[in-house]
Amino acid sequence: MKIVILERGTVGMDVSVDELAKLGETQIHDNSSPEEIPERVAEAEIVIANKSPLNEKTLGKADKVRLICEFATGYDNIDLEYCRARGISVCNVSNYSTASVMQHTFALALSLSEHLTDYECFVRDGSYTKQGRFTHYEPVFSELEGKTWGILGMGNIGRRVARAADAFGCRVIWAGTSGTRRDESYPQVDLPELLNSSDFLSLHCPLNEKTHHIIDASALRAMKQGAILINVARGAVVDSAALAAAIREGQIAGAALDVMEGEPLPESSPLYEMRDDKRLLITPHMAWASLEARERVVSETCENIRAFLRGEERNCVLRG
């Protein structure tokens, strides 16, 4: 069994992939450009990827491929229709990073809403030592308790965020994007009400034709002026240009992003131009990447491969 790992670097060099190497003859690449993929997968039976585009252009000459495994939950980098026509199975890993993303969601929310960078700088530059009182409380911040926390996308991560927001004393409301998800633990509302009512709005929905730029200029205008937007879903769920304008014009209080349209963040992005604005907090797509989550995605990928070789369906989004 020949296994090709196209993006070993996405799980970090501090996480071992030795367990995968035991499953067959394994060829490991830290990263792969689209141009490099066809040659690298030419003899592969199993391909492991994360963001690499896997479609007719990259897989067209790889006639031995039987299985594609994602080092991830999302699989929008894979042309499923092409794989279906080829009889190629596709597996992902669900729920491996739920705790990590939930944790980072609140790290972003609290850091931005409590202006922690400002307070840290106040101490670091000596201002706190020089002042004549024991405390400092500018800029002003507010409690989460009593605020409305809105969630767009009530999947595994959305539900964990809802529970945490509830523990902080927030009123939790949510809206779905698929029309199939139901969760009676918290009130479900339509998108306009979600936008109008949320003090914090966190995005946990998949990226597809329906959700592309679902947070656009119109949606941002519908939000509260004091609201904070948090995107830990996919960058293109939010219109970057519209968001930059909304922050500059004070339509919302601020935004915290772990995902962007174009990664790494391109210099051409309107958000890059605003990276020093204290109303905007950006982290480099690492919400998912706790050590435990990265170890889990490797071990779960191993289990997916073992199950496939036994003829079992495990985490299959497409059975070839």
C-alpha atoms as a PDB file:
ATOM      1  CA  MET A   1       0.000   0.000   0.000  1.00  0.00           C
ATOM      2  CA  LYS A   2       1.609   3.250  -1.131  1.00  0.00           C
ATOM      3  CA  ILE A   3       0.621   6.290   0.916  1.00  0.00           C
ATOM      4  CA  VAL A   4       1.518   9.862  -0.014  1.00  0.00           C
ATOM      5  CA  ILE A   5       1.237  12.643   2.571  1.00  0.00           C
ATOM      6  CA  LEU A   6       1.134  15.914   0.654  1.00  0.00           C
ATOM      7  CA  GLU A   7       1.098  18.334   3.600  1.00  0.00           C
ATOM      8  CA  ARG A   8       2.837  16.795   6.585  1.00  0.00           C
ATOM      9  CA  GLY A   9       3.702  20.288   7.835  1.00  0.00           C
ATOM     10  CA  THR A  10       0.065  21.150   8.479  1.00  0.00           C
ATOM     11  CA  VAL A  11       0.009  18.992  11.607  1.00  0.00           C
ATOM     12  CA  GLY A  12       3.314  20.370  12.897  1.00  0.00           C
ATOM     13  CA  MET A  13       6.721  18.805  13.140  1.00  0.00           C
ATOM     14  CA  ASP A  14       6.180  18.311  16.877  1.00  0.00           C
ATOM     15  CA  VAL A  15       3.462  15.739  16.104  1.00  0.00           C
ATOM     16  CA  SER A  16       4.609  12.305  14.980  1.00  0.00           C
ATOM     17  CA  VAL A  17       3.266  10.643  11.824  1.00  0.00           C
ATOM     18  CA  ASP A  18       5.113   7.378  12.506  1.00  0.00           C
ATOM     19  CA  GLU A  19       1.784   5.597  13.027  1.00  0.00           C
ATOM     20  CA  LEU A  20       0.835   6.400   9.439  1.00  0.00           C
ATOM     21  CA  ALA A  21       4.185   5.207   8.128  1.00  0.00           C
ATOM     22  CA  LYS A  22       3.493   1.769   9.597  1.00  0.00           C
ATOM     23  CA  LEU A  23       0.445   1.331   7.368  1.00  0.00           C
ATOM     24  CA  GLY A  24       2.374   1.100   4.113  1.00  0.00           C
ATOM     25  CA  GLU A  25       5.148   2.497   1.966  1.00  0.00           C
ATOM     26  CA  THR A  26       4.866   6.157   2.894  1.00  0.00           C
ATOM     27  CA  GLN A  27       6.143   9.158   0.975  1.00  0.00           C
ATOM     28  CA  ILE A  28       6.098  12.319   3.063  1.00  0.00           C
ATOM     29  CA  HIS A  29       6.167  15.920   1.849  1.00  0.00           C
ATOM     30  CA  ASP A  30       6.113  18.885   4.214  1.00  0.00           C
ATOM     31  CA  ASN A  31       4.083  20.872   1.696  1.00  0.00           C
ATOM     32  CA  SER A  32       3.003  20.523  -1.944  1.00  0.00           C
ATOM     33  CA  SER A  33       2.179  23.145  -4.534  1.00  0.00           C
ATOM     34  CA  PRO A  34      -0.581  22.360  -7.043  1.00  0.00           C
ATOM     35  CA  GLU A  35       2.084  21.947  -9.711  1.00  0.00           C
ATOM     36  CA  GLU A  36       3.931  19.326  -7.670  1.00  0.00           C
ATOM     37  CA  ILE A  37       0.911  17.178  -6.837  1.00  0.00           C
ATOM     38  CA  PRO A  38       0.471  15.184 -10.096  1.00  0.00           C
ATOM     39  CA  GLU A  39       3.971  13.732  -9.994  1.00  0.00           C
ATOM     40  CA  ARG A  40       3.865  13.055  -6.271  1.00  0.00           C
ATOM     41  CA  VAL A  41       0.581  11.118  -6.367  1.00  0.00           C
ATOM     42  CA  ALA A  42       1.221   9.297  -9.651  1.00  0.00           C
ATOM     43  CA  GLU A  43       1.766   5.908  -7.954  1.00  0.00           C
ATOM     44  CA  ALA A  44      -0.213   6.536  -4.783  1.00  0.00           C
ATOM     45  CA  GLU A  45      -3.070   4.357  -3.580  1.00  0.00           C
ATOM     46  CA  ILE A  46      -3.870   6.570  -0.591  1.00  0.00           C
ATOM     47  CA  VAL A  47      -3.430  10.348  -0.587  1.00  0.00           C
ATOM     48  CA  ILE A  48      -3.443  12.395   2.608  1.00  0.00           C
ATOM     49  CA  ALA A  49      -3.962  16.137   2.260  1.00  0.00           C
ATOM     50  CA  ASN A  50      -5.351  19.209   3.971  1.00  0.00           C
ATOM     51  CA  LYS A  51      -5.641  22.162   1.608  1.00  0.00           C
ATOM     52  CA  SER A  52      -4.080  20.704  -1.557  1.00  0.00           C
ATOM     53  CA  PRO A  53      -6.486  20.852  -4.530  1.00  0.00           C
ATOM     54  CA  LEU A  54      -7.433  17.295  -5.493  1.00  0.00           C
ATOM     55  CA  ASN A  55      -9.304  17.241  -8.772  1.00  0.00           C
ATOM     56  CA  GLU A  56      -8.989  16.060 -12.358  1.00  0.00           C
ATOM     57  CA  LYS A  57      -6.017  18.338 -12.986  1.00  0.00           C
ATOM     58  CA  THR A  58      -3.993  17.006 -10.062  1.00  0.00           C
ATOM     59  CA  LEU A  59      -5.296  13.407  -9.960  1.00  0.00           C
ATOM     60  CA  GLY A  60      -5.884  12.779 -13.657  1.00  0.00           C
ATOM     61  CA  LYS A  61      -2.811  10.571 -14.109  1.00  0.00           C
ATOM     62  CA  ALA A  62      -2.976   8.948 -10.660  1.00  0.00           C
ATOM     63  CA  ASP A  63      -4.954   5.891 -11.722  1.00  0.00           C
ATOM     64  CA  LYS A  64      -4.109   3.848  -8.609  1.00  0.00           C
ATOM     65  CA  VAL A  65      -5.685   6.188  -6.050  1.00  0.00           C
ATOM     66  CA  ARG A  66      -8.386   4.449  -4.005  1.00  0.00           C
ATOM     67  CA  LEU A  67      -8.705   6.711  -0.982  1.00  0.00           C
ATOM     68  CA  ILE A  68      -8.202  10.378  -0.084  1.00  0.00           C
ATOM     69  CA  CYS A  69      -7.911  11.261   3.588  1.00  0.00           C
ATOM     70  CA  GLU A  70      -8.173  14.783   4.926  1.00  0.00           C
ATOM     71  CA  PHE A  71      -6.040  15.985   7.810  1.00  0.00           C
ATOM     72  CA  ALA A  72      -9.131  18.128   8.517  1.00  0.00           C
ATOM     73  CA  THR A  73     -12.907  18.257   8.774  1.00  0.00           C
ATOM     74  CA  GLY A  74     -13.494  20.454   5.724  1.00  0.00           C
ATOM     75  CA  TYR A  75     -13.056  18.938   2.267  1.00  0.00           C
ATOM     76  CA  ASP A  76     -13.820  21.842  -0.065  1.00  0.00           C
ATOM     77  CA  ASN A  77     -10.375  21.321  -1.632  1.00  0.00           C
ATOM     78  CA  ILE A  78     -11.599  18.018  -3.119  1.00  0.00           C
ATOM     79  CA  ASP A  79     -13.691  17.673  -6.270  1.00  0.00           C
ATOM     80  CA  LEU A  80     -16.188  15.119  -4.973  1.00  0.00           C
ATOM     81  CA  GLU A  81     -17.946  14.686  -8.304  1.00  0.00           C
ATOM     82  CA  TYR A  82     -14.675  13.802  -9.976  1.00  0.00           C
ATOM     83  CA  CYS A  83     -13.808  11.378  -7.166  1.00  0.00           C
ATOM     84  CA  ARG A  84     -17.260   9.790  -7.406  1.00  0.00           C
ATOM     85  CA  ALA A  85     -16.794   9.242 -11.132  1.00  0.00           C
ATOM     86  CA  ARG A  86     -13.378   7.697 -10.461  1.00  0.00           C
ATOM     87  CA  GLY A  87     -14.609   5.510  -7.608  1.00  0.00           C
ATOM     88  CA  ILE A  88     -12.282   7.192  -5.129  1.00  0.00           C
ATOM     89  CA  SER A  89     -13.366   7.204  -1.475  1.00  0.00           C
ATOM     90  CA  VAL A  90     -12.940  10.342   0.628  1.00  0.00           C
ATOM     91  CA  CYS A  91     -12.637  10.454   4.435  1.00  0.00           C
ATOM     92  CA  ASN A  92     -12.345  13.393   6.785  1.00  0.00           C
ATOM     93  CA  VAL A  93     -11.891  13.707  10.544  1.00  0.00           C
ATOM     94  CA  SER A  94     -14.806  15.263  12.357  1.00  0.00           C
ATOM     95  CA  ASN A  95     -14.885  16.752  15.831  1.00  0.00           C
ATOM     96  CA  TYR A  96     -11.127  16.474  16.431  1.00  0.00           C
ATOM     97  CA  SER A  97     -10.647  20.221  16.972  1.00  0.00           C
ATOM     98  CA  THR A  98     -13.961  21.143  18.592  1.00  0.00           C
ATOM     99  CA  ALA A  99     -12.513  21.882  22.034  1.00  0.00           C
ATOM    100  CA  SER A 100      -9.622  23.848  20.560  1.00  0.00           C
ATOM    101  CA  VAL A 101     -11.805  26.035  18.323  1.00  0.00           C
ATOM    102  CA  MET A 102     -14.320  26.655  21.106  1.00  0.00           C
ATOM    103  CA  GLN A 103     -11.504  27.722  23.419  1.00  0.00           C
ATOM    104  CA  HIS A 104     -10.005  30.067  20.837  1.00  0.00           C
ATOM    105  CA  THR A 105     -13.398  31.582  20.076  1.00  0.00           C
ATOM    106  CA  PHE A 106     -13.568  32.881  23.637  1.00  0.00           C
ATOM    107  CA  ALA A 107      -9.892  33.839  23.690  1.00  0.00           C
ATOM    108  CA  LEU A 108     -10.623  36.104  20.720  1.00  0.00           C
ATOM    109  CA  ALA A 109     -13.855  37.460  22.162  1.00  0.00           C
ATOM    110  CA  LEU A 110     -12.364  38.254  25.558  1.00  0.00           C
ATOM    111  CA  SER A 111      -9.112  39.665  24.224  1.00  0.00           C
ATOM    112  CA  LEU A 112     -10.921  42.068  21.907  1.00  0.00           C
ATOM    113  CA  SER A 113     -13.828  43.029  24.166  1.00  0.00           C
ATOM    114  CA  GLU A 114     -11.639  43.512  27.249  1.00  0.00           C
ATOM    115  CA  HIS A 115      -8.947  45.399  25.298  1.00  0.00           C
ATOM    116  CA  LEU A 116      -6.311  43.133  26.834  1.00  0.00           C
ATOM    117  CA  THR A 117      -3.572  44.353  24.500  1.00  0.00           C
ATOM    118  CA  ASP A 118      -4.115  47.934  25.664  1.00  0.00           C
ATOM    119  CA  TYR A 119      -3.950  46.929  29.310  1.00  0.00           C
ATOM    120  CA  GLU A 120      -0.871  44.783  28.789  1.00  0.00           C
ATOM    121  CA  CYS A 121       0.889  47.643  26.993  1.00  0.00           C
ATOM    122  CA  PHE A 122      -0.061  49.991  29.822  1.00  0.00           C
ATOM    123  CA  VAL A 123       1.946  47.781  32.173  1.00  0.00           C
ATOM    124  CA  ARG A 124       4.783  46.988  29.751  1.00  0.00           C
ATOM    125  CA  ASP A 125       5.572  50.616  28.888  1.00  0.00           C
ATOM    126  CA  GLY A 126       5.792  51.583  32.567  1.00  0.00           C
ATOM    127  CA  SER A 127       2.624  53.673  32.661  1.00  0.00           C
ATOM    128  CA  TYR A 128       1.076  51.572  35.408  1.00  0.00           C
ATOM    129  CA  THR A 129       4.139  51.920  37.610  1.00  0.00           C
ATOM    130  CA  LYS A 130       4.224  55.683  37.142  1.00  0.00           C
ATOM    131  CA  GLN A 131       0.554  56.358  37.876  1.00  0.00           C
ATOM    132  CA  GLY A 132      -0.648  57.196  41.358  1.00  0.00           C
ATOM    133  CA  ARG A 133      -3.386  54.597  41.879  1.00  0.00           C
ATOM    134  CA  PHE A 134      -3.652  50.818  42.139  1.00  0.00           C
ATOM    135  CA  THR A 135      -5.949  50.278  39.152  1.00  0.00           C
ATOM    136  CA  HIS A 136      -6.592  51.349  35.595  1.00  0.00           C
ATOM    137  CA  TYR A 137      -9.782  50.885  33.597  1.00  0.00           C
ATOM    138  CA  GLU A 138      -9.458  52.696  30.306  1.00  0.00           C
ATOM    139  CA  PRO A 139     -10.577  51.762  27.714  1.00  0.00           C
ATOM    140  CA  VAL A 140     -13.876  50.702  29.257  1.00  0.00           C
ATOM    141  CA  PHE A 141     -14.922  47.060  28.965  1.00  0.00           C
ATOM    142  CA  SER A 142     -18.133  45.198  29.795  1.00  0.00           C
ATOM    143  CA  GLU A 143     -19.132  41.812  31.135  1.00  0.00           C
ATOM    144  CA  LEU A 144     -20.280  38.930  28.957  1.00  0.00           C
ATOM    145  CA  GLU A 145     -23.029  38.137  31.431  1.00  0.00           C
ATOM    146  CA  GLY A 146     -26.370  39.356  30.195  1.00  0.00           C
ATOM    147  CA  LYS A 147     -25.173  39.843  26.623  1.00  0.00           C
ATOM    148  CA  THR A 148     -26.715  38.031  23.651  1.00  0.00           C
ATOM    149  CA  TRP A 149     -24.340  35.572  22.003  1.00  0.00           C
ATOM    150  CA  GLY A 150     -25.410  34.674  18.480  1.00  0.00           C
ATOM    151  CA  ILE A 151     -24.160  31.588  16.673  1.00  0.00           C
ATOM    152  CA  LEU A 152     -24.321  30.998  12.929  1.00  0.00           C
ATOM    153  CA  GLY A 153     -23.982  27.246  12.386  1.00  0.00           C
ATOM    154  CA  MET A 154     -25.004  24.876  15.195  1.00  0.00           C
ATOM    155  CA  GLY A 155     -22.746  21.929  14.448  1.00  0.00           C
ATOM    156  CA  ASN A 156     -20.320  20.311  16.886  1.00  0.00           C
ATOM    157  CA  ILE A 157     -18.343  23.515  17.423  1.00  0.00           C
ATOM    158  CA  GLY A 158     -21.400  25.742  17.539  1.00  0.00           C
ATOM    159  CA  ARG A 159     -22.966  23.596  20.247  1.00  0.00           C
ATOM    160  CA  ARG A 160     -19.798  23.692  22.370  1.00  0.00           C
ATOM    161  CA  VAL A 161     -19.604  27.472  21.992  1.00  0.00           C
ATOM    162  CA  ALA A 162     -23.268  27.732  23.000  1.00  0.00           C
ATOM    163  CA  ARG A 163     -22.615  25.783  26.199  1.00  0.00           C
ATOM    164  CA  ALA A 164     -19.624  27.958  27.062  1.00  0.00           C
ATOM    165  CA  ALA A 165     -21.493  31.193  26.328  1.00  0.00           C
ATOM    166  CA  ASP A 166     -24.322  29.922  28.497  1.00  0.00           C
ATOM    167  CA  ALA A 167     -21.825  29.324  31.320  1.00  0.00           C
ATOM    168  CA  PHE A 168     -20.655  32.941  30.982  1.00  0.00           C
ATOM    169  CA  GLY A 169     -24.248  34.031  31.558  1.00  0.00           C
ATOM    170  CA  CYS A 170     -25.032  34.976  27.979  1.00  0.00           C
ATOM    171  CA  ARG A 171     -28.391  34.615  26.295  1.00  0.00           C
ATOM    172  CA  VAL A 172     -27.681  32.250  23.397  1.00  0.00           C
ATOM    173  CA  ILE A 173     -29.512  32.353  20.081  1.00  0.00           C
ATOM    174  CA  TRP A 174     -28.598  30.694  16.813  1.00  0.00           C
ATOM    175  CA  ALA A 175     -29.372  30.381  13.132  1.00  0.00           C
ATOM    176  CA  GLY A 176     -28.571  27.571  10.746  1.00  0.00           C
ATOM    177  CA  THR A 177     -27.392  27.615   7.157  1.00  0.00           C
ATOM    178  CA  SER A 178     -28.332  24.138   5.949  1.00  0.00           C
ATOM    179  CA  GLY A 179     -31.977  24.027   6.993  1.00  0.00           C
ATOM    180  CA  THR A 180     -31.508  20.539   8.449  1.00  0.00           C
ATOM    181  CA  ARG A 181     -29.848  21.174  11.822  1.00  0.00           C
ATOM    182  CA  ARG A 182     -32.074  21.311  14.896  1.00  0.00           C
ATOM    183  CA  ASP A 183     -31.102  22.097  18.478  1.00  0.00           C
ATOM    184  CA  GLU A 184     -33.869  22.746  20.974  1.00  0.00           C
ATOM    185  CA  SER A 185     -31.498  23.682  23.804  1.00  0.00           C
ATOM    186  CA  TYR A 186     -31.366  27.301  22.634  1.00  0.00           C
ATOM    187  CA  PRO A 187     -33.772  29.495  20.626  1.00  0.00           C
ATOM    188  CA  GLN A 188     -33.395  29.241  16.871  1.00  0.00           C
ATOM    189  CA  VAL A 189     -33.950  32.489  14.967  1.00  0.00           C
ATOM    190  CA  ASP A 190     -33.711  33.596  11.360  1.00  0.00           C
ATOM    191  CA  LEU A 191     -30.617  35.379  10.070  1.00  0.00           C
ATOM    192  CA  PRO A 192     -32.041  38.924  10.282  1.00  0.00           C
ATOM    193  CA  GLU A 193     -32.922  38.462  13.960  1.00  0.00           C
ATOM    194  CA  LEU A 194     -29.536  36.904  14.649  1.00  0.00           C
ATOM    195  CA  LEU A 195     -27.820  39.930  13.135  1.00  0.00           C
ATOM    196  CA  ASN A 196     -30.081  42.470  14.848  1.00  0.00           C
ATOM    197  CA  SER A 197     -29.945  40.909  18.321  1.00  0.00           C
ATOM    198  CA  SER A 198     -26.388  39.637  18.830  1.00  0.00           C
ATOM    199  CA  ASP A 199     -23.841  41.474  20.959  1.00  0.00           C
ATOM    200  CA  PHE A 200     -21.335  38.792  19.981  1.00  0.00           C
ATOM    201  CA  LEU A 201     -21.799  36.900  16.730  1.00  0.00           C
ATOM    202  CA  SER A 202     -19.584  33.863  16.180  1.00  0.00           C
ATOM    203  CA  LEU A 203     -19.467  32.022  12.867  1.00  0.00           C
ATOM    204  CA  HIS A 204     -19.183  28.223  12.791  1.00  0.00           C
ATOM    205  CA  CYS A 205     -20.755  27.331   9.451  1.00  0.00           C
ATOM    206  CA  PRO A 206     -19.234  25.511   6.476  1.00  0.00           C
ATOM    207  CA  LEU A 207     -18.233  27.366   3.326  1.00  0.00           C
ATOM    208  CA  ASN A 208     -20.443  26.629   0.354  1.00  0.00           C
ATOM    209  CA  GLU A 209     -22.425  28.506  -2.291  1.00  0.00           C
ATOM    210  CA  LYS A 210     -25.056  29.458   0.269  1.00  0.00           C
ATOM    211  CA  THR A 211     -22.649  30.773   2.905  1.00  0.00           C
ATOM    212  CA  HIS A 212     -20.094  32.504   0.668  1.00  0.00           C
ATOM    213  CA  HIS A 213     -20.105  36.154   1.827  1.00  0.00           C
ATOM    214  CA  ILE A 214     -23.181  35.502   3.959  1.00  0.00           C
ATOM    215  CA  ILE A 215     -21.772  38.282   6.146  1.00  0.00           C
ATOM    216  CA  ASP A 216     -21.705  41.034   3.554  1.00  0.00           C
ATOM    217  CA  ALA A 217     -22.214  44.800   3.676  1.00  0.00           C
ATOM    218  CA  SER A 218     -25.956  44.413   4.167  1.00  0.00           C
ATOM    219  CA  ALA A 219     -25.515  41.924   7.016  1.00  0.00           C
ATOM    220  CA  LEU A 220     -22.952  44.127   8.734  1.00  0.00           C
ATOM    221  CA  ARG A 221     -25.270  47.133   8.542  1.00  0.00           C
ATOM    222  CA  ALA A 222     -27.952  45.038  10.238  1.00  0.00           C
ATOM    223  CA  MET A 223     -25.722  44.283  13.242  1.00  0.00           C
ATOM    224  CA  LYS A 224     -25.660  46.290  16.458  1.00  0.00           C
ATOM    225  CA  GLN A 225     -23.209  49.166  16.479  1.00  0.00           C
ATOM    226  CA  GLY A 226     -21.599  47.732  19.608  1.00  0.00           C
ATOM    227  CA  ALA A 227     -21.428  44.159  18.297  1.00  0.00           C
ATOM    228  CA  ILE A 228     -18.309  42.057  17.905  1.00  0.00           C
ATOM    229  CA  LEU A 229     -18.001  39.596  15.017  1.00  0.00           C
ATOM    230  CA  ILE A 230     -15.919  36.435  15.463  1.00  0.00           C
ATOM    231  CA  ASN A 231     -15.049  34.251  12.479  1.00  0.00           C
ATOM    232  CA  VAL A 232     -13.473  30.857  13.144  1.00  0.00           C
ATOM    233  CA  ALA A 233     -15.283  29.175  10.239  1.00  0.00           C
ATOM    234  CA  ARG A 234     -13.899  29.956   6.773  1.00  0.00           C
ATOM    235  CA  GLY A 235     -12.565  33.269   5.556  1.00  0.00           C
ATOM    236  CA  ALA A 236     -14.898  33.651   2.590  1.00  0.00           C
ATOM    237  CA  VAL A 237     -17.979  33.450   4.814  1.00  0.00           C
ATOM    238  CA  VAL A 238     -17.235  37.140   5.425  1.00  0.00           C
ATOM    239  CA  ASP A 239     -16.789  39.782   2.723  1.00  0.00           C
ATOM    240  CA  SER A 240     -13.391  41.208   3.701  1.00  0.00           C
ATOM    241  CA  ALA A 241     -13.857  44.557   1.987  1.00  0.00           C
ATOM    242  CA  ALA A 242     -17.269  45.043   3.561  1.00  0.00           C
ATOM    243  CA  LEU A 243     -15.909  44.129   6.990  1.00  0.00           C
ATOM    244  CA  ALA A 244     -13.007  46.552   6.703  1.00  0.00           C
ATOM    245  CA  ALA A 245     -15.416  49.328   5.763  1.00  0.00           C
ATOM    246  CA  ALA A 246     -17.822  48.454   8.590  1.00  0.00           C
ATOM    247  CA  ILE A 247     -15.030  48.663  11.165  1.00  0.00           C
ATOM    248  CA  ARG A 248     -13.586  51.891   9.776  1.00  0.00           C
ATOM    249  CA  GLU A 249     -17.024  53.515   9.719  1.00  0.00           C
ATOM    250  CA  GLY A 250     -17.965  52.299  13.196  1.00  0.00           C
ATOM    251  CA  GLN A 251     -20.890  50.164  12.026  1.00  0.00           C
ATOM    252  CA  ILE A 252     -19.754  47.464  14.482  1.00  0.00           C
ATOM    253  CA  ALA A 253     -17.444  47.654  17.484  1.00  0.00           C
ATOM    254  CA  GLY A 254     -14.895  45.247  16.078  1.00  0.00           C
ATOM    255  CA  ALA A 255     -14.061  41.845  14.661  1.00  0.00           C
ATOM    256  CA  ALA A 256     -11.840  38.939  15.634  1.00  0.00           C
ATOM    257  CA  LEU A 257     -10.777  36.602  12.839  1.00  0.00           C
ATOM    258  CA  ASP A 258      -8.843  33.369  12.719  1.00  0.00           C
ATOM    259  CA  VAL A 259      -9.618  32.774   9.033  1.00  0.00           C
ATOM    260  CA  MET A 260      -9.269  35.061   6.041  1.00  0.00           C
ATOM    261  CA  GLU A 261     -10.076  35.240   2.345  1.00  0.00           C
ATOM    262  CA  GLY A 262      -6.661  34.204   1.097  1.00  0.00           C
ATOM    263  CA  GLU A 263      -4.238  32.555   3.508  1.00  0.00           C
ATOM    264  CA  PRO A 264      -1.713  33.609   4.538  1.00  0.00           C
ATOM    265  CA  LEU A 265      -3.294  37.065   4.666  1.00  0.00           C
ATOM    266  CA  PRO A 266      -2.290  38.779   1.388  1.00  0.00           C
ATOM    267  CA  GLU A 267      -0.962  42.322   1.359  1.00  0.00           C
ATOM    268  CA  SER A 268      -3.695  43.154  -1.140  1.00  0.00           C
ATOM    269  CA  SER A 269      -6.411  42.406   1.431  1.00  0.00           C
ATOM    270  CA  PRO A 270      -8.222  45.423   2.901  1.00  0.00           C
ATOM    271  CA  LEU A 271      -7.823  43.676   6.265  1.00  0.00           C
ATOM    272  CA  TYR A 272      -4.026  43.700   5.901  1.00  0.00           C
ATOM    273  CA  GLU A 273      -4.169  47.466   5.647  1.00  0.00           C
ATOM    274  CA  MET A 274      -6.070  47.520   8.970  1.00  0.00           C
ATOM    275  CA  ARG A 275      -3.899  45.023  10.862  1.00  0.00           C
ATOM    276  CA  ASP A 276      -2.780  47.690  13.354  1.00  0.00           C
ATOM    277  CA  ASP A 277      -6.332  48.839  14.076  1.00  0.00           C
ATOM    278  CA  LYS A 278      -7.177  47.859  17.653  1.00  0.00           C
ATOM    279  CA  ARG A 279     -10.762  47.132  16.654  1.00  0.00           C
ATOM    280  CA  LEU A 280      -9.537  44.235  14.523  1.00  0.00           C
ATOM    281  CA  LEU A 281      -7.861  41.138  15.967  1.00  0.00           C
ATOM    282  CA  ILE A 282      -6.428  38.555  13.568  1.00  0.00           C
ATOM    283  CA  THR A 283      -4.770  35.239  14.383  1.00  0.00           C
ATOM    284  CA  PRO A 284      -3.126  33.015  11.732  1.00  0.00           C
ATOM    285  CA  HIS A 285      -5.686  30.210  11.275  1.00  0.00           C
ATOM    286  CA  MET A 286      -4.604  28.390  14.425  1.00  0.00           C
ATOM    287  CA  ALA A 287      -7.851  28.007  16.395  1.00  0.00           C
ATOM    288  CA  TRP A 288      -7.962  24.325  15.437  1.00  0.00           C
ATOM    289  CA  ALA A 289      -4.321  23.654  16.204  1.00  0.00           C
ATOM    290  CA  SER A 290      -3.902  22.757  19.872  1.00  0.00           C
ATOM    291  CA  LEU A 291      -1.336  20.008  20.391  1.00  0.00           C
ATOM    292  CA  GLU A 292      -4.084  17.604  21.378  1.00  0.00           C
ATOM    293  CA  ALA A 293      -6.129  18.376  18.256  1.00  0.00           C
ATOM    294  CA  ARG A 294      -3.178  17.870  15.925  1.00  0.00           C
ATOM    295  CA  GLU A 295      -2.293  14.565  17.569  1.00  0.00           C
ATOM    296  CA  ARG A 296      -5.938  13.530  17.332  1.00  0.00           C
ATOM    297  CA  VAL A 297      -6.250  14.288  13.612  1.00  0.00           C
ATOM    298  CA  VAL A 298      -3.273  12.052  12.841  1.00  0.00           C
ATOM    299  CA  SER A 299      -4.496   9.128  14.940  1.00  0.00           C
ATOM    300  CA  GLU A 300      -8.030   9.441  13.539  1.00  0.00           C
ATOM    301  CA  THR A 301      -6.660   9.466   9.999  1.00  0.00           C
ATOM    302  CA  CYS A 302      -4.852   6.225  10.800  1.00  0.00           C
ATOM    303  CA  GLU A 303      -8.118   4.710  11.998  1.00  0.00           C
ATOM    304  CA  ASN A 304      -9.867   5.870   8.825  1.00  0.00           C
ATOM    305  CA  ILE A 305      -7.272   4.093   6.702  1.00  0.00           C
ATOM    306  CA  ARG A 306      -7.410   0.899   8.761  1.00  0.00           C
ATOM    307  CA  ALA A 307     -11.195   0.861   8.492  1.00  0.00           C
ATOM    308  CA  PHE A 308     -11.042   1.400   4.730  1.00  0.00           C
ATOM    309  CA  LEU A 309      -8.623  -1.484   4.300  1.00  0.00           C
ATOM    310  CA  ARG A 310     -11.034  -3.694   6.269  1.00  0.00           C
ATOM    311  CA  GLY A 311     -13.844  -2.672   3.930  1.00  0.00           C
ATOM    312  CA  GLU A 312     -15.574  -0.569   6.590  1.00  0.00           C
ATOM    313  CA  GLU A 313     -16.986   2.916   6.260  1.00  0.00           C
ATOM    314  CA  ARG A 314     -15.564   5.308   8.845  1.00  0.00           C
ATOM    315  CA  ASN A 315     -15.819   9.070   8.487  1.00  0.00           C
ATOM    316  CA  CYS A 316     -16.569   8.587   4.795  1.00  0.00           C
ATOM    317  CA  VAL A 317     -17.939  11.668   3.066  1.00  0.00           C
ATOM    318  CA  LEU A 318     -17.788   9.715  -0.193  1.00  0.00           C
ATOM    319  CA  ARG A 319     -17.626   5.975  -0.668  1.00  0.00           C
ATOM    320  CA  GLY A 320     -15.953   5.055  -3.956  1.00  0.00           C
END
